[in-house]
């Protein structure tokens, strides 16, 4: 069932994704973790085997398909920085600890 695939994909995303509190895990560590979890019966062994056997191809496909979103994200970050620089030093009115931009 699809929920088993989604469960492994969710774990994989958390491991390979960079977060504010952690760097992304390298391939070897990521595969070790999901293979250990599948060996313990926590996640689907078949899904993990397919991901393990095709990891590089899967990651390349994900990278290509996410590229437009990633580029848009960076454009938004650039615009945010530009606006912050533009309005830096300008008194922002606050209400209950929130700026007008909240």
PDB file of N, CA and C in Angstrom:
ATOM      1  N   UNK A   1       0.811  -1.217   0.000  1.00  0.00           N
ATOM      2  CA  UNK A   1       0.000   0.000   0.000  1.00  0.00           C
ATOM      3  C   UNK A   1       0.848   1.273   0.000  1.00  0.00           C
ATOM      4  N   UNK A   2       0.259   2.318  -0.476  1.00  0.00           N
ATOM      5  CA  UNK A   2       0.984   3.576  -0.629  1.00  0.00           C
ATOM      6  C   UNK A   2       1.442   4.170   0.696  1.00  0.00           C
ATOM      7  N   UNK A   3       0.725   3.895   1.788  1.00  0.00           N
ATOM      8  CA  UNK A   3       1.130   4.477   3.069  1.00  0.00           C
ATOM      9  C   UNK A   3       2.501   3.967   3.519  1.00  0.00           C
ATOM     10  N   UNK A   4       2.876   2.745   3.126  1.00  0.00           N
ATOM     11  CA  UNK A   4       4.207   2.228   3.473  1.00  0.00           C
ATOM     12  C   UNK A   4       5.287   2.977   2.709  1.00  0.00           C
ATOM     13  N   UNK A   5       5.013   3.278   1.453  1.00  0.00           N
ATOM     14  CA  UNK A   5       5.949   4.064   0.652  1.00  0.00           C
ATOM     15  C   UNK A   5       6.081   5.474   1.206  1.00  0.00           C
ATOM     16  N   UNK A   6       4.960   6.077   1.547  1.00  0.00           N
ATOM     17  CA  UNK A   6       4.970   7.443   2.094  1.00  0.00           C
ATOM     18  C   UNK A   6       5.720   7.489   3.423  1.00  0.00           C
ATOM     19  N   UNK A   7       5.567   6.471   4.242  1.00  0.00           N
ATOM     20  CA  UNK A   7       6.269   6.434   5.532  1.00  0.00           C
ATOM     21  C   UNK A   7       7.778   6.441   5.323  1.00  0.00           C
ATOM     22  N   UNK A   8       8.265   5.625   4.395  1.00  0.00           N
ATOM     23  CA  UNK A   8       9.708   5.575   4.124  1.00  0.00           C
ATOM     24  C   UNK A   8      10.160   6.880   3.477  1.00  0.00           C
ATOM     25  N   UNK A   9       9.371   7.411   2.562  1.00  0.00           N
ATOM     26  CA  UNK A   9       9.717   8.668   1.896  1.00  0.00           C
ATOM     27  C   UNK A   9       9.805   9.816   2.907  1.00  0.00           C
ATOM     28  N   UNK A  10       8.906   9.823   3.879  1.00  0.00           N
ATOM     29  CA  UNK A  10       8.919  10.863   4.906  1.00  0.00           C
ATOM     30  C   UNK A  10      10.201  10.788   5.739  1.00  0.00           C
ATOM     31  N   UNK A  11      10.587   9.582   6.118  1.00  0.00           N
ATOM     32  CA  UNK A  11      11.826   9.402   6.885  1.00  0.00           C
ATOM     33  C   UNK A  11      13.027   9.805   6.036  1.00  0.00           C
ATOM     34  N   UNK A  12      13.039   9.380   4.791  1.00  0.00           N
ATOM     35  CA  UNK A  12      14.127   9.710   3.878  1.00  0.00           C
ATOM     36  C   UNK A  12      14.250  11.222   3.721  1.00  0.00           C
ATOM     37  N   UNK A  13      13.138  11.896   3.556  1.00  0.00           N
ATOM     38  CA  UNK A  13      13.143  13.355   3.420  1.00  0.00           C
ATOM     39  C   UNK A  13      13.728  14.030   4.653  1.00  0.00           C
ATOM     40  N   UNK A  14      13.357  13.538   5.823  1.00  0.00           N
ATOM     41  CA  UNK A  14      13.876  14.118   7.069  1.00  0.00           C
ATOM     42  C   UNK A  14      15.377  13.898   7.191  1.00  0.00           C
ATOM     43  N   UNK A  15      15.855  12.765   6.729  1.00  0.00           N
ATOM     44  CA  UNK A  15      17.281  12.458   6.847  1.00  0.00           C
ATOM     45  C   UNK A  15      18.130  13.232   5.848  1.00  0.00           C
ATOM     46  N   UNK A  16      17.675  13.317   4.608  1.00  0.00           N
ATOM     47  CA  UNK A  16      18.503  13.964   3.585  1.00  0.00           C
ATOM     48  C   UNK A  16      18.303  15.477   3.522  1.00  0.00           C
ATOM     49  N   UNK A  17      17.233  15.948   4.144  1.00  0.00           N
ATOM     50  CA  UNK A  17      16.953  17.377   4.103  1.00  0.00           C
ATOM     51  C   UNK A  17      17.741  18.149   5.145  1.00  0.00           C
ATOM     52  N   UNK A  18      18.215  19.306   4.731  1.00  0.00           N
ATOM     53  CA  UNK A  18      18.877  20.205   5.677  1.00  0.00           C
ATOM     54  C   UNK A  18      17.798  20.943   6.445  1.00  0.00           C
ATOM     55  N   UNK A  19      17.985  21.040   7.727  1.00  0.00           N
ATOM     56  CA  UNK A  19      17.032  21.725   8.592  1.00  0.00           C
ATOM     57  C   UNK A  19      17.773  22.812   9.363  1.00  0.00           C
ATOM     58  N   UNK A  20      17.038  23.692   9.988  1.00  0.00           N
ATOM     59  CA  UNK A  20      17.667  24.760  10.765  1.00  0.00           C
ATOM     60  C   UNK A  20      18.459  24.199  11.933  1.00  0.00           C
ATOM     61  N   UNK A  21      18.128  23.002  12.366  1.00  0.00           N
ATOM     62  CA  UNK A  21      18.771  22.387  13.522  1.00  0.00           C
ATOM     63  C   UNK A  21      19.741  21.272  13.152  1.00  0.00           C
ATOM     64  N   UNK A  22      19.886  20.953  11.848  1.00  0.00           N
ATOM     65  CA  UNK A  22      20.810  19.885  11.453  1.00  0.00           C
ATOM     66  C   UNK A  22      21.175  20.004   9.979  1.00  0.00           C
ATOM     67  N   UNK A  23      22.335  19.472   9.654  1.00  0.00           N
ATOM     68  CA  UNK A  23      22.748  19.369   8.256  1.00  0.00           C
ATOM     69  C   UNK A  23      22.108  18.112   7.664  1.00  0.00           C
ATOM     70  N   UNK A  24      22.133  18.007   6.347  1.00  0.00           N
ATOM     71  CA  UNK A  24      21.611  16.793   5.717  1.00  0.00           C
ATOM     72  C   UNK A  24      22.575  15.638   5.982  1.00  0.00           C
ATOM     73  N   UNK A  25      22.027  14.454   6.119  1.00  0.00           N
ATOM     74  CA  UNK A  25      22.846  13.270   6.352  1.00  0.00           C
ATOM     75  C   UNK A  25      23.406  12.779   5.019  1.00  0.00           C
ATOM     76  N   UNK A  26      24.624  12.265   5.018  1.00  0.00           N
ATOM     77  CA  UNK A  26      25.169  11.706   3.777  1.00  0.00           C
ATOM     78  C   UNK A  26      24.447  10.414   3.391  1.00  0.00           C
ATOM     79  N   UNK A  27      24.623  10.022   2.157  1.00  0.00           N
ATOM     80  CA  UNK A  27      23.969   8.832   1.609  1.00  0.00           C
ATOM     81  C   UNK A  27      24.183   7.613   2.493  1.00  0.00           C
ATOM     82  N   UNK A  28      25.423   7.351   2.875  1.00  0.00           N
ATOM     83  CA  UNK A  28      25.736   6.142   3.633  1.00  0.00           C
ATOM     84  C   UNK A  28      24.998   6.101   4.967  1.00  0.00           C
ATOM     85  N   UNK A  29      24.972   7.217   5.673  1.00  0.00           N
ATOM     86  CA  UNK A  29      24.292   7.267   6.963  1.00  0.00           C
ATOM     87  C   UNK A  29      22.782   7.127   6.773  1.00  0.00           C
ATOM     88  N   UNK A  30      22.254   7.781   5.759  1.00  0.00           N
ATOM     89  CA  UNK A  30      20.824   7.704   5.462  1.00  0.00           C
ATOM     90  C   UNK A  30      20.412   6.265   5.179  1.00  0.00           C
ATOM     91  N   UNK A  31      21.162   5.599   4.307  1.00  0.00           N
ATOM     92  CA  UNK A  31      20.833   4.211   3.973  1.00  0.00           C
ATOM     93  C   UNK A  31      20.985   3.303   5.188  1.00  0.00           C
ATOM     94  N   UNK A  32      22.013   3.530   5.978  1.00  0.00           N
ATOM     95  CA  UNK A  32      22.194   2.720   7.179  1.00  0.00           C
ATOM     96  C   UNK A  32      20.977   2.837   8.106  1.00  0.00           C
ATOM     97  N   UNK A  33      20.493   4.047   8.306  1.00  0.00           N
ATOM     98  CA  UNK A  33      19.359   4.276   9.215  1.00  0.00           C
ATOM     99  C   UNK A  33      18.089   3.594   8.702  1.00  0.00           C
ATOM    100  N   UNK A  34      17.773   3.791   7.417  1.00  0.00           N
ATOM    101  CA  UNK A  34      16.517   3.187   6.927  1.00  0.00           C
ATOM    102  C   UNK A  34      16.640   1.662   6.829  1.00  0.00           C
ATOM    103  N   UNK A  35      17.825   1.165   6.518  1.00  0.00           N
ATOM    104  CA  UNK A  35      18.003  -0.294   6.479  1.00  0.00           C
ATOM    105  C   UNK A  35      17.889  -0.888   7.880  1.00  0.00           C
ATOM    106  N   UNK A  36      18.418  -0.194   8.873  1.00  0.00           N
ATOM    107  CA  UNK A  36      18.300  -0.656  10.263  1.00  0.00           C
ATOM    108  C   UNK A  36      16.823  -0.678  10.685  1.00  0.00           C
ATOM    109  N   UNK A  37      16.099   0.394  10.345  1.00  0.00           N
ATOM    110  CA  UNK A  37      14.681   0.454  10.704  1.00  0.00           C
ATOM    111  C   UNK A  37      13.878  -0.642  10.000  1.00  0.00           C
ATOM    112  N   UNK A  38      14.227  -0.938   8.760  1.00  0.00           N
ATOM    113  CA  UNK A  38      13.504  -2.013   8.061  1.00  0.00           C
ATOM    114  C   UNK A  38      13.852  -3.362   8.671  1.00  0.00           C
ATOM    115  N   UNK A  39      15.098  -3.547   9.090  1.00  0.00           N
ATOM    116  CA  UNK A  39      15.491  -4.780   9.750  1.00  0.00           C
ATOM    117  C   UNK A  39      14.791  -4.994  11.073  1.00  0.00           C
ATOM    118  N   UNK A  40      14.423  -3.908  11.721  1.00  0.00           N
ATOM    119  CA  UNK A  40      13.697  -3.974  12.998  1.00  0.00           C
ATOM    120  C   UNK A  40      12.188  -4.069  12.786  1.00  0.00           C
ATOM    121  N   UNK A  41      11.774  -4.100  11.524  1.00  0.00           N
ATOM    122  CA  UNK A  41      10.353  -4.218  11.216  1.00  0.00           C
ATOM    123  C   UNK A  41       9.569  -2.922  11.373  1.00  0.00           C
ATOM    124  N   UNK A  42      10.270  -1.804  11.474  1.00  0.00           N
ATOM    125  CA  UNK A  42       9.592  -0.516  11.672  1.00  0.00           C
ATOM    126  C   UNK A  42       9.065   0.080  10.371  1.00  0.00           C
ATOM    127  N   UNK A  43       9.747  -0.217   9.273  1.00  0.00           N
ATOM    128  CA  UNK A  43       9.314   0.269   7.961  1.00  0.00           C
ATOM    129  C   UNK A  43       9.434  -0.864   6.953  1.00  0.00           C
ATOM    130  N   UNK A  44       8.798  -0.711   5.821  1.00  0.00           N
ATOM    131  CA  UNK A  44       8.685  -1.754   4.813  1.00  0.00           C
ATOM    132  C   UNK A  44      10.039  -2.123   4.192  1.00  0.00           C
ATOM    133  N   UNK A  45      10.385  -3.398   4.275  1.00  0.00           N
ATOM    134  CA  UNK A  45      11.667  -3.892   3.755  1.00  0.00           C
ATOM    135  C   UNK A  45      11.758  -3.791   2.234  1.00  0.00           C
ATOM    136  N   UNK A  46      10.656  -4.051   1.545  1.00  0.00           N
ATOM    137  CA  UNK A  46      10.670  -3.998   0.091  1.00  0.00           C
ATOM    138  C   UNK A  46      10.904  -2.576  -0.400  1.00  0.00           C
ATOM    139  N   UNK A  47      10.220  -1.622   0.194  1.00  0.00           N
ATOM    140  CA  UNK A  47      10.397  -0.216  -0.186  1.00  0.00           C
ATOM    141  C   UNK A  47      11.832   0.212   0.084  1.00  0.00           C
ATOM    142  N   UNK A  48      12.367  -0.150   1.239  1.00  0.00           N
ATOM    143  CA  UNK A  48      13.743   0.215   1.580  1.00  0.00           C
ATOM    144  C   UNK A  48      14.734  -0.432   0.618  1.00  0.00           C
ATOM    145  N   UNK A  49      14.496  -1.673   0.224  1.00  0.00           N
ATOM    146  CA  UNK A  49      15.385  -2.350  -0.724  1.00  0.00           C
ATOM    147  C   UNK A  49      15.400  -1.633  -2.078  1.00  0.00           C
ATOM    148  N   UNK A  50      14.229  -1.239  -2.552  1.00  0.00           N
ATOM    149  CA  UNK A  50      14.148  -0.533  -3.829  1.00  0.00           C
ATOM    150  C   UNK A  50      14.864   0.821  -3.730  1.00  0.00           C
ATOM    151  N   UNK A  51      14.645   1.548  -2.643  1.00  0.00           N
ATOM    152  CA  UNK A  51      15.316   2.843  -2.457  1.00  0.00           C
ATOM    153  C   UNK A  51      16.825   2.644  -2.365  1.00  0.00           C
ATOM    154  N   UNK A  52      17.255   1.659  -1.616  1.00  0.00           N
ATOM    155  CA  UNK A  52      18.685   1.396  -1.463  1.00  0.00           C
ATOM    156  C   UNK A  52      19.338   1.062  -2.802  1.00  0.00           C
ATOM    157  N   UNK A  53      18.679   0.227  -3.602  1.00  0.00           N
ATOM    158  CA  UNK A  53      19.228  -0.184  -4.896  1.00  0.00           C
ATOM    159  C   UNK A  53      19.227   0.929  -5.930  1.00  0.00           C
ATOM    160  N   UNK A  54      18.343   1.912  -5.754  1.00  0.00           N
ATOM    161  CA  UNK A  54      18.184   2.973  -6.763  1.00  0.00           C
ATOM    162  C   UNK A  54      18.389   4.370  -6.185  1.00  0.00           C
ATOM    163  N   UNK A  55      19.082   4.477  -5.073  1.00  0.00           N
ATOM    164  CA  UNK A  55      19.198   5.732  -4.330  1.00  0.00           C
ATOM    165  C   UNK A  55      19.674   6.884  -5.214  1.00  0.00           C
ATOM    166  N   UNK A  56      20.789   6.699  -5.930  1.00  0.00           N
ATOM    167  CA  UNK A  56      21.341   7.793  -6.734  1.00  0.00           C
ATOM    168  C   UNK A  56      20.376   8.250  -7.817  1.00  0.00           C
ATOM    169  N   UNK A  57      19.749   7.306  -8.479  1.00  0.00           N
ATOM    170  CA  UNK A  57      18.787   7.646  -9.526  1.00  0.00           C
ATOM    171  C   UNK A  57      17.572   8.380  -8.950  1.00  0.00           C
ATOM    172  N   UNK A  58      17.083   7.895  -7.824  1.00  0.00           N
ATOM    173  CA  UNK A  58      15.939   8.542  -7.173  1.00  0.00           C
ATOM    174  C   UNK A  58      16.288   9.971  -6.766  1.00  0.00           C
ATOM    175  N   UNK A  59      17.452  10.159  -6.157  1.00  0.00           N
ATOM    176  CA  UNK A  59      17.848  11.491  -5.703  1.00  0.00           C
ATOM    177  C   UNK A  59      18.046  12.445  -6.881  1.00  0.00           C
ATOM    178  N   UNK A  60      18.563  11.942  -7.993  1.00  0.00           N
ATOM    179  CA  UNK A  60      18.737  12.778  -9.186  1.00  0.00           C
ATOM    180  C   UNK A  60      17.383  13.206  -9.736  1.00  0.00           C
ATOM    181  N   UNK A  61      16.429  12.271  -9.770  1.00  0.00           N
ATOM    182  CA  UNK A  61      15.081  12.598 -10.240  1.00  0.00           C
ATOM    183  C   UNK A  61      14.420  13.635  -9.333  1.00  0.00           C
ATOM    184  N   UNK A  62      14.561  13.448  -8.032  1.00  0.00           N
ATOM    185  CA  UNK A  62      13.995  14.406  -7.067  1.00  0.00           C
ATOM    186  C   UNK A  62      14.620  15.779  -7.284  1.00  0.00           C
ATOM    187  N   UNK A  63      15.935  15.816  -7.440  1.00  0.00           N
ATOM    188  CA  UNK A  63      16.639  17.086  -7.647  1.00  0.00           C
ATOM    189  C   UNK A  63      16.122  17.812  -8.889  1.00  0.00           C
ATOM    190  N   UNK A  64      15.975  17.080  -9.982  1.00  0.00           N
ATOM    191  CA  UNK A  64      15.496  17.689 -11.219  1.00  0.00           C
ATOM    192  C   UNK A  64      14.057  18.185 -11.095  1.00  0.00           C
ATOM    193  N   UNK A  65      13.211  17.405 -10.475  1.00  0.00           N
ATOM    194  CA  UNK A  65      11.796  17.783 -10.356  1.00  0.00           C
ATOM    195  C   UNK A  65      11.571  18.913  -9.361  1.00  0.00           C
ATOM    196  N   UNK A  66      12.472  19.041  -8.400  1.00  0.00           N
ATOM    197  CA  UNK A  66      12.345  20.101  -7.394  1.00  0.00           C
ATOM    198  C   UNK A  66      13.035  21.396  -7.808  1.00  0.00           C
ATOM    199  N   UNK A  67      13.805  21.347  -8.864  1.00  0.00           N
ATOM    200  CA  UNK A  67      14.584  22.518  -9.287  1.00  0.00           C
ATOM    201  C   UNK A  67      13.744  23.786  -9.466  1.00  0.00           C
ATOM    202  N   UNK A  68      12.608  23.744 -10.159  1.00  0.00           N
ATOM    203  CA  UNK A  68      11.817  24.979 -10.306  1.00  0.00           C
ATOM    204  C   UNK A  68      11.348  25.553  -8.956  1.00  0.00           C
ATOM    205  N   UNK A  69      10.953  24.690  -8.054  1.00  0.00           N
ATOM    206  CA  UNK A  69      10.507  25.153  -6.735  1.00  0.00           C
ATOM    207  C   UNK A  69      11.683  25.743  -5.967  1.00  0.00           C
ATOM    208  N   UNK A  70      12.836  25.074  -6.027  1.00  0.00           N
ATOM    209  CA  UNK A  70      14.035  25.548  -5.340  1.00  0.00           C
ATOM    210  C   UNK A  70      14.449  26.923  -5.869  1.00  0.00           C
ATOM    211  N   UNK A  71      14.393  27.117  -7.181  1.00  0.00           N
ATOM    212  CA  UNK A  71      14.742  28.408  -7.775  1.00  0.00           C
ATOM    213  C   UNK A  71      13.771  29.496  -7.314  1.00  0.00           C
ATOM    214  N   UNK A  72      12.497  29.192  -7.273  1.00  0.00           N
ATOM    215  CA  UNK A  72      11.499  30.152  -6.792  1.00  0.00           C
ATOM    216  C   UNK A  72      11.749  30.503  -5.330  1.00  0.00           C
ATOM    217  N   UNK A  73      12.058  29.507  -4.529  1.00  0.00           N
ATOM    218  CA  UNK A  73      12.370  29.726  -3.114  1.00  0.00           C
ATOM    219  C   UNK A  73      13.533  30.702  -2.958  1.00  0.00           C
ATOM    220  N   UNK A  74      14.584  30.517  -3.743  1.00  0.00           N
ATOM    221  CA  UNK A  74      15.741  31.417  -3.656  1.00  0.00           C
ATOM    222  C   UNK A  74      15.392  32.837  -4.120  1.00  0.00           C
ATOM    223  N   UNK A  75      14.553  32.953  -5.126  1.00  0.00           N
ATOM    224  CA  UNK A  75      14.103  34.275  -5.558  1.00  0.00           C
ATOM    225  C   UNK A  75      13.323  34.971  -4.453  1.00  0.00           C
ATOM    226  N   UNK A  76      12.485  34.222  -3.761  1.00  0.00           N
ATOM    227  CA  UNK A  76      11.716  34.793  -2.651  1.00  0.00           C
ATOM    228  C   UNK A  76      12.651  35.228  -1.522  1.00  0.00           C
ATOM    229  N   UNK A  77      13.661  34.419  -1.222  1.00  0.00           N
ATOM    230  CA  UNK A  77      14.629  34.798  -0.196  1.00  0.00           C
ATOM    231  C   UNK A  77      15.354  36.083  -0.586  1.00  0.00           C
ATOM    232  N   UNK A  78      15.761  36.193  -1.846  1.00  0.00           N
ATOM    233  CA  UNK A  78      16.449  37.391  -2.324  1.00  0.00           C
ATOM    234  C   UNK A  78      15.550  38.623  -2.191  1.00  0.00           C
ATOM    235  N   UNK A  79      14.286  38.468  -2.550  1.00  0.00           N
ATOM    236  CA  UNK A  79      13.341  39.585  -2.443  1.00  0.00           C
ATOM    237  C   UNK A  79      13.115  39.967  -0.985  1.00  0.00           C
ATOM    238  N   UNK A  80      13.022  38.986  -0.122  1.00  0.00           N
ATOM    239  CA  UNK A  80      12.861  39.246   1.309  1.00  0.00           C
ATOM    240  C   UNK A  80      14.058  40.039   1.830  1.00  0.00           C
ATOM    241  N   UNK A  81      15.262  39.605   1.486  1.00  0.00           N
ATOM    242  CA  UNK A  81      16.470  40.333   1.920  1.00  0.00           C
ATOM    243  C   UNK A  81      16.474  41.764   1.398  1.00  0.00           C
ATOM    244  N   UNK A  82      16.089  41.918   0.114  1.00  0.00           N
ATOM    245  CA  UNK A  82      16.055  43.260  -0.476  1.00  0.00           C
ATOM    246  C   UNK A  82      15.077  44.159   0.275  1.00  0.00           C
ATOM    247  N   UNK A  83      13.900  43.627   0.585  1.00  0.00           N
ATOM    248  CA  UNK A  83      12.913  44.413   1.315  1.00  0.00           C
ATOM    249  C   UNK A  83      13.382  44.749   2.728  1.00  0.00           C
ATOM    250  N   UNK A  84      14.015  43.798   3.387  1.00  0.00           N
ATOM    251  CA  UNK A  84      14.522  44.053   4.732  1.00  0.00           C
ATOM    252  C   UNK A  84      15.599  45.124   4.713  1.00  0.00           C
ATOM    253  N   UNK A  85      16.476  45.091   3.719  1.00  0.00           N
ATOM    254  CA  UNK A  85      17.501  46.116   3.597  1.00  0.00           C
ATOM    255  C   UNK A  85      16.873  47.470   3.290  1.00  0.00           C
ATOM    256  N   UNK A  86      15.862  47.475   2.439  1.00  0.00           N
ATOM    257  CA  UNK A  86      15.179  48.705   2.057  1.00  0.00           C
ATOM    258  C   UNK A  86      14.527  49.367   3.267  1.00  0.00           C
ATOM    259  N   UNK A  87      13.923  48.560   4.130  1.00  0.00           N
ATOM    260  CA  UNK A  87      13.186  49.104   5.259  1.00  0.00           C
ATOM    261  C   UNK A  87      13.971  49.080   6.566  1.00  0.00           C
ATOM    262  N   UNK A  88      15.218  48.632   6.529  1.00  0.00           N
ATOM    263  CA  UNK A  88      16.044  48.622   7.745  1.00  0.00           C
ATOM    264  C   UNK A  88      16.184  50.049   8.254  1.00  0.00           C
ATOM    265  N   UNK A  89      16.020  50.197   9.531  1.00  0.00           N
ATOM    266  CA  UNK A  89      16.133  51.525  10.122  1.00  0.00           C
ATOM    267  C   UNK A  89      14.827  52.290  10.114  1.00  0.00           C
ATOM    268  N   UNK A  90      13.845  51.821   9.354  1.00  0.00           N
ATOM    269  CA  UNK A  90      12.545  52.459   9.334  1.00  0.00           C
ATOM    270  C   UNK A  90      11.764  51.977  10.544  1.00  0.00           C
ATOM    271  N   UNK A  91      11.163  52.903  11.239  1.00  0.00           N
ATOM    272  CA  UNK A  91      10.384  52.520  12.412  1.00  0.00           C
ATOM    273  C   UNK A  91       9.165  51.731  11.957  1.00  0.00           C
ATOM    274  N   UNK A  92       9.049  50.533  12.459  1.00  0.00           N
ATOM    275  CA  UNK A  92       7.882  49.718  12.146  1.00  0.00           C
ATOM    276  C   UNK A  92       6.922  49.806  13.313  1.00  0.00           C
ATOM    277  N   UNK A  93       5.674  50.054  13.013  1.00  0.00           N
ATOM    278  CA  UNK A  93       4.706  50.094  14.099  1.00  0.00           C
ATOM    279  C   UNK A  93       4.453  48.678  14.572  1.00  0.00           C
ATOM    280  N   UNK A  94       4.269  48.521  15.852  1.00  0.00           N
ATOM    281  CA  UNK A  94       4.024  47.202  16.403  1.00  0.00           C
ATOM    282  C   UNK A  94       2.725  47.199  17.199  1.00  0.00           C
ATOM    283  N   UNK A  95       2.130  46.051  17.210  1.00  0.00           N
ATOM    284  CA  UNK A  95       0.929  45.851  17.982  1.00  0.00           C
ATOM    285  C   UNK A  95       0.999  44.480  18.591  1.00  0.00           C
ATOM    286  N   UNK A  96       1.003  44.411  19.902  1.00  0.00           N
ATOM    287  CA  UNK A  96       1.088  43.147  20.630  1.00  0.00           C
ATOM    288  C   UNK A  96       2.320  42.357  20.219  1.00  0.00           C
ATOM    289  N   UNK A  97       3.424  43.081  19.961  1.00  0.00           N
ATOM    290  CA  UNK A  97       4.680  42.433  19.636  1.00  0.00           C
ATOM    291  C   UNK A  97       4.812  41.993  18.193  1.00  0.00           C
ATOM    292  N   UNK A  98       3.839  42.338  17.326  1.00  0.00           N
ATOM    293  CA  UNK A  98       3.913  41.948  15.939  1.00  0.00           C
ATOM    294  C   UNK A  98       4.123  43.186  15.069  1.00  0.00           C
ATOM    295  N   UNK A  99       4.880  43.021  13.984  1.00  0.00           N
ATOM    296  CA  UNK A  99       5.064  44.122  13.068  1.00  0.00           C
ATOM    297  C   UNK A  99       3.892  44.191  12.114  1.00  0.00           C
ATOM    298  N   UNK A 100       3.842  45.249  11.328  1.00  0.00           N
ATOM    299  CA  UNK A 100       2.804  45.380  10.313  1.00  0.00           C
ATOM    300  C   UNK A 100       2.937  44.315   9.235  1.00  0.00           C
ATOM    301  N   UNK A 101       4.109  43.679   9.151  1.00  0.00           N
ATOM    302  CA  UNK A 101       4.340  42.681   8.132  1.00  0.00           C
ATOM    303  C   UNK A 101       3.883  41.298   8.538  1.00  0.00           C
ATOM    304  N   UNK A 102       3.489  41.100   9.803  1.00  0.00           N
ATOM    305  CA  UNK A 102       3.118  39.760  10.279  1.00  0.00           C
ATOM    306  C   UNK A 102       1.771  39.352   9.757  1.00  0.00           C
TER     307      UNK A 102
END
